[in-house]
Amino acid sequence: MNEPAGAKLSNEIFRLVRFGLVGGTSAVAYALFLLALVHIFEAGSVTSSALAFLLSLPVSFFGQKYFTFQSQRPVQRELPTYLVLQFVNFIAAILITFVTVDVLGASHLVRIVAVVSTIALISYGALG
């Protein structure tokens, strides 16, 4: 039996909220890793962005898998597809970092907001 339209909309809204919560948690992890890499380890802008992105991937993957989409499929079946998407996001993060920080001279906060916003749009479009 099909779900009523109202139930489908409600489920989609709750999934979007869960996606936002996981994305927000992943974004905080990214920002904290990035700031630590820049201020403590004095890593360059592109290096810090790349490493912070990679370090925050498990937060995003497991949060989206188990909380947002509540998937029961084995990790080894979902991880390759997720990693392809994250490769696209990784390239976007590097390019955004280069343009915002190295070309435009923007602050780390501007970089974080630009990277996180872009990745959220790409990810929800691909996963949703």
Foldseek 3Di string as FASTA:
>chain_A
DDDPPVVVVVLVVVLVVLLVVLLVVLLVQLLVQLCCCCPVVVDDQLVSNLVSLVVSVVSNVVSCCCPRPNHPDDCVVVVVVVVVLSVVLSVVLNVLSCCQCVVVNHDPVVSSVVSSVVSSVSVVVVPD
